[in-house]
Protein backbone atom coordinates (compact mmCIF):
# COMPACT_ATOMS: atom_id res chain seq x y z
CA ALA A 1 -0.01 0.00 0.00
CA THR A 2 2.85 2.41 0.82
CA GLY A 3 4.57 1.65 -2.50
CA LEU A 4 1.31 2.34 -4.37
CA ALA A 5 0.82 5.59 -2.40
CA HIS A 6 4.34 6.75 -3.38
CA LEU A 7 3.75 5.83 -7.03
CA VAL A 8 0.37 7.59 -7.22
CA SER A 9 1.76 10.68 -5.53
CA VAL A 10 4.41 11.08 -8.23
CA THR A 11 1.71 11.62 -10.91
CA VAL A 12 0.94 15.15 -9.68
CA THR A 13 4.46 16.43 -9.11
CA VAL A 14 6.25 19.20 -11.00
CA ASP A 15 8.75 16.64 -12.39
CA PHE A 16 6.01 14.42 -13.78
CA MET A 17 4.20 17.38 -15.41
CA THR A 18 7.50 18.51 -16.92
CA ILE A 19 7.59 15.17 -18.76
CA CYS A 20 3.85 14.86 -19.35
CA VAL A 21 3.25 18.21 -21.12
CA PRO A 22 5.72 17.63 -24.02
CA VAL A 23 4.50 14.06 -24.44
CA LEU A 24 0.87 15.24 -24.64
CA THR A 25 1.90 17.93 -27.11
CA VAL A 26 3.26 15.26 -29.48
CA MET A 27 0.90 12.37 -28.78
CA ALA A 28 -2.48 14.01 -28.04
CA SER A 29 -3.22 17.71 -28.44
CA VAL A 30 -1.12 20.86 -28.36
CA ALA A 31 -4.15 22.85 -27.08
CA PHE A 32 -4.71 20.43 -24.16
CA ALA A 33 -1.01 20.44 -23.27
CA GLN A 34 -1.07 24.26 -23.10
CA GLN A 35 -4.21 24.19 -20.96
CA LEU A 36 -2.70 21.55 -18.67
CA LEU A 37 0.49 23.54 -18.19
CA LEU A 38 -1.41 26.73 -17.41
CA LEU A 39 -3.86 25.05 -15.02
CA PHE A 40 -1.13 23.14 -13.13
CA SER A 41 0.88 26.39 -12.83
CA LEU A 42 -2.19 28.19 -11.43
CA VAL A 43 -2.85 25.40 -8.92
CA LEU A 44 0.80 25.40 -7.88
CA LEU A 45 0.80 29.17 -7.40
CA CYS A 46 -2.51 29.28 -5.51
CA CYS A 47 -1.53 26.42 -3.20
CA THR A 48 1.89 27.96 -2.47
CA LEU A 49 0.36 31.32 -1.66
CA ALA A 50 -2.31 29.69 0.56
CA LYS A 51 0.31 27.57 2.36
CA ASN A 52 2.51 30.55 3.09
CA ALA A 53 -0.38 32.78 4.11
CA LEU A 54 -1.92 30.23 6.53
CA ARG A 55 1.32 28.54 7.74
CA LEU A 56 -0.40 25.44 9.03
CA PRO A 57 1.97 22.59 9.86
CA ARG A 58 1.95 19.08 8.42
CA PRO A 59 0.72 16.19 10.60
CA VAL A 60 2.89 14.96 13.45
CA ARG A 61 3.13 11.21 14.01
CA PRO A 62 2.60 9.63 17.42
CA GLY A 63 5.60 10.31 19.62
CA GLY A 64 6.01 13.86 18.29
CA ARG A 65 8.00 12.88 15.14
CA GLN A 66 7.12 14.69 11.94
CA SER A 67 6.46 12.60 8.84
CA ARG A 68 9.55 12.00 6.73
CA PRO A 69 9.27 14.29 3.70
CA LEU A 70 9.19 12.54 0.32
CA ALA A 71 10.64 15.51 -1.51
CA GLU A 72 11.95 19.01 -0.97
CA LEU A 73 8.52 20.53 -1.62
CA GLU A 74 7.05 18.39 1.15
CA GLN A 75 9.00 20.38 3.69
CA SER A 76 6.49 23.17 3.10
CA TYR A 77 3.36 23.89 5.11
CA GLY A 78 0.51 21.39 5.07
CA PHE A 79 -2.73 23.19 4.17
CA PRO A 80 -3.92 22.94 1.45
CA SER A 81 -2.52 19.80 -0.20
CA LEU A 82 -1.05 20.63 -3.61
CA HIS A 83 -1.28 16.97 -4.65
CA ALA A 84 -5.02 16.84 -3.83
CA ALA A 85 -5.68 20.17 -5.58
CA ALA A 86 -3.87 19.08 -8.78
CA ALA A 87 -5.47 15.62 -8.64
CA LEU A 88 -8.92 17.20 -8.85
CA ALA A 89 -8.24 20.08 -11.21
CA ILE A 90 -6.30 18.16 -13.89
CA PRO A 91 -8.81 15.30 -14.42
CA MET A 92 -11.68 17.79 -14.37
CA LEU A 93 -9.92 19.69 -17.17
CA ALA A 94 -9.46 16.46 -19.13
CA VAL A 95 -13.18 15.52 -18.98
CA SER A 96 -14.59 19.04 -19.28
CA PRO A 97 -16.74 19.88 -22.33
CA THR A 98 -14.16 22.57 -23.25
CA SER A 99 -11.36 19.98 -23.39
CA PRO A 100 -9.95 18.96 -26.79
CA LEU A 101 -9.72 15.39 -25.44
CA VAL A 102 -13.49 15.15 -24.94
CA ALA A 103 -14.17 16.05 -28.54
CA ALA A 104 -12.11 13.03 -29.64
CA LEU A 105 -13.77 10.70 -27.11
CA PRO A 106 -16.89 8.68 -28.09
CA GLU A 107 -20.04 9.73 -26.20
CA ALA A 108 -20.43 6.29 -24.65
CA ARG A 109 -17.04 6.54 -22.93
CA LEU A 110 -17.64 9.91 -21.24
CA PRO A 111 -19.23 8.50 -18.06
CA GLY A 112 -16.36 6.07 -17.62
CA ALA A 113 -13.81 8.87 -18.15
CA ARG A 114 -15.53 11.04 -15.55
CA ALA A 115 -15.66 8.14 -13.05
CA ALA A 116 -11.91 7.51 -13.64
CA ALA A 117 -11.16 11.22 -13.07
CA LEU A 118 -13.03 11.19 -9.75
CA GLY A 119 -11.39 7.87 -8.78
CA TRP A 120 -7.93 9.29 -9.40
CA ALA A 121 -8.62 12.32 -7.20
CA LEU A 122 -9.83 10.00 -4.42
CA LEU A 123 -6.78 7.75 -4.85
CA ILE A 124 -4.38 10.71 -4.53
CA GLY A 125 -6.24 11.86 -1.37
CA TRP A 126 -5.89 8.40 0.12
CA ALA A 127 -2.18 8.30 -0.79
CA ARG A 128 -1.46 11.57 0.99
CA LEU A 129 -3.27 10.39 4.12
CA HIS A 130 -1.67 6.95 4.02
CA LEU A 131 1.83 8.39 3.77
CA GLY A 132 1.11 10.71 6.70
CA VAL A 133 2.30 13.84 4.87
CA HIS A 134 -1.15 15.46 5.02
CA SER A 135 -4.19 15.44 7.32
CA LEU A 136 -7.82 15.07 6.20
CA PRO A 137 -8.40 18.87 6.34
CA ASP A 138 -5.31 19.36 4.14
CA VAL A 139 -6.70 16.98 1.52
CA LEU A 140 -10.25 18.37 1.67
CA GLY A 141 -8.86 21.93 1.40
CA GLY A 142 -6.74 20.88 -1.59
CA TRP A 143 -9.78 19.37 -3.33
CA ALA A 144 -11.81 22.51 -2.69
CA LEU A 145 -9.04 24.78 -4.00
CA GLY A 146 -8.48 22.55 -7.05
CA LEU A 147 -12.20 22.63 -7.85
CA LEU A 148 -12.34 26.43 -7.48
CA VAL A 149 -9.30 27.01 -9.68
CA TRP A 150 -10.53 24.57 -12.33
CA ARG A 151 -14.03 26.18 -12.44
CA GLN A 152 -12.57 29.66 -12.96
CA PHE A 153 -10.09 28.35 -15.55
CA ASP A 154 -12.88 26.46 -17.39
CA ALA A 155 -15.01 29.62 -17.46
CA VAL A 156 -12.12 31.50 -19.10
CA LEU A 157 -11.68 28.65 -21.63
CA ALA A 158 -15.39 28.63 -22.48
CA SER A 159 -15.40 32.40 -23.05
CA GLY A 160 -12.60 32.14 -25.61
CA ALA A 161 -10.50 34.72 -23.76
CA LEU A 162 -7.58 32.35 -23.21
CA GLU A 163 -7.37 31.42 -26.88
CA ALA A 164 -7.38 35.10 -27.82
CA ALA A 165 -4.66 35.87 -25.29
CA MET A 166 -2.50 32.96 -26.49
CA ALA A 167 -2.67 34.32 -30.07
CA SER A 168 -1.74 37.85 -28.99
CA PRO A 169 1.75 39.18 -29.85
CA TRP A 170 1.73 40.93 -26.46
CA LEU A 171 1.51 37.69 -24.47
CA ALA A 172 5.28 37.15 -23.93
CA PRO A 173 6.17 40.82 -23.18
CA CYS A 174 3.34 40.99 -20.59
CA ALA A 175 3.79 37.53 -19.11
CA ALA A 176 7.56 37.66 -18.42
CA PRO A 177 7.50 40.64 -15.97
CA LEU A 178 4.35 39.27 -14.33
CA LEU A 179 5.96 35.89 -13.72
CA LEU A 180 9.10 37.53 -12.34
CA LEU A 181 7.00 39.69 -10.00
CA LEU A 182 5.03 36.68 -8.74
CA ALA A 183 8.25 34.71 -8.15
CA LEU A 184 9.76 37.58 -6.15
CA CYS A 185 6.57 38.07 -4.10
CA LEU A 186 6.29 34.46 -2.91
CA PRO A 187 7.31 34.35 0.76
CA LYS A 188 9.75 31.67 1.89
CA GLY A 189 8.38 28.54 3.57
CA ARG A 190 9.44 27.95 7.15
CA ALA A 191 7.57 24.74 7.96
CA LEU A 192 10.65 23.01 9.40
CA PRO A 193 13.26 24.59 11.65
CA ALA A 194 16.41 25.58 9.74
CA LYS A 195 14.74 24.74 6.44
CA ALA A 196 13.83 28.18 5.22
CA GLY A 197 12.96 28.55 1.54
CA ALA A 198 11.51 25.13 0.94
CA THR A 199 8.46 26.49 -0.93
CA ASP A 200 10.20 29.09 -3.10
């Protein structure tokens, strides 16, 4: 069970998405790969800002020992769970009516795809709880944040505003300073003593 939890948790990490986006660009849809990259970046940014604003610790195991972090990012604050947020937002994007993947999917397979998306989100939530790196409120908060970010993102997709912005020649000149500003504004994580900067 622990091995499965570790394996499942990897599917919503930055490293996995770094591999997944180019593969989807070549194998599936350029439009969906762009949407996935943007949505995951938004979820990552929103979770990091929420973690650093609230500064709620991760669970402590019996005996006062903190759970062993699985990665550098897991030395950040606990609430909300980035894994849970991404595990809800990404599958919802994949099975949304605005998704290019849905257009290529037969109508009969849509219910199964939606059930698989929900199952994956639940599996990620279980994995985070099983590994002891998040509490139930962390996971529930992550799901809520992921749902909120996805709904807003989906509304922008449906309006056509994102497609118009992506085609604009002003996108890169406007996006570069904004990204730099956001990176400089993110406060450092201090979830563990003498581990400042874990959530930069």
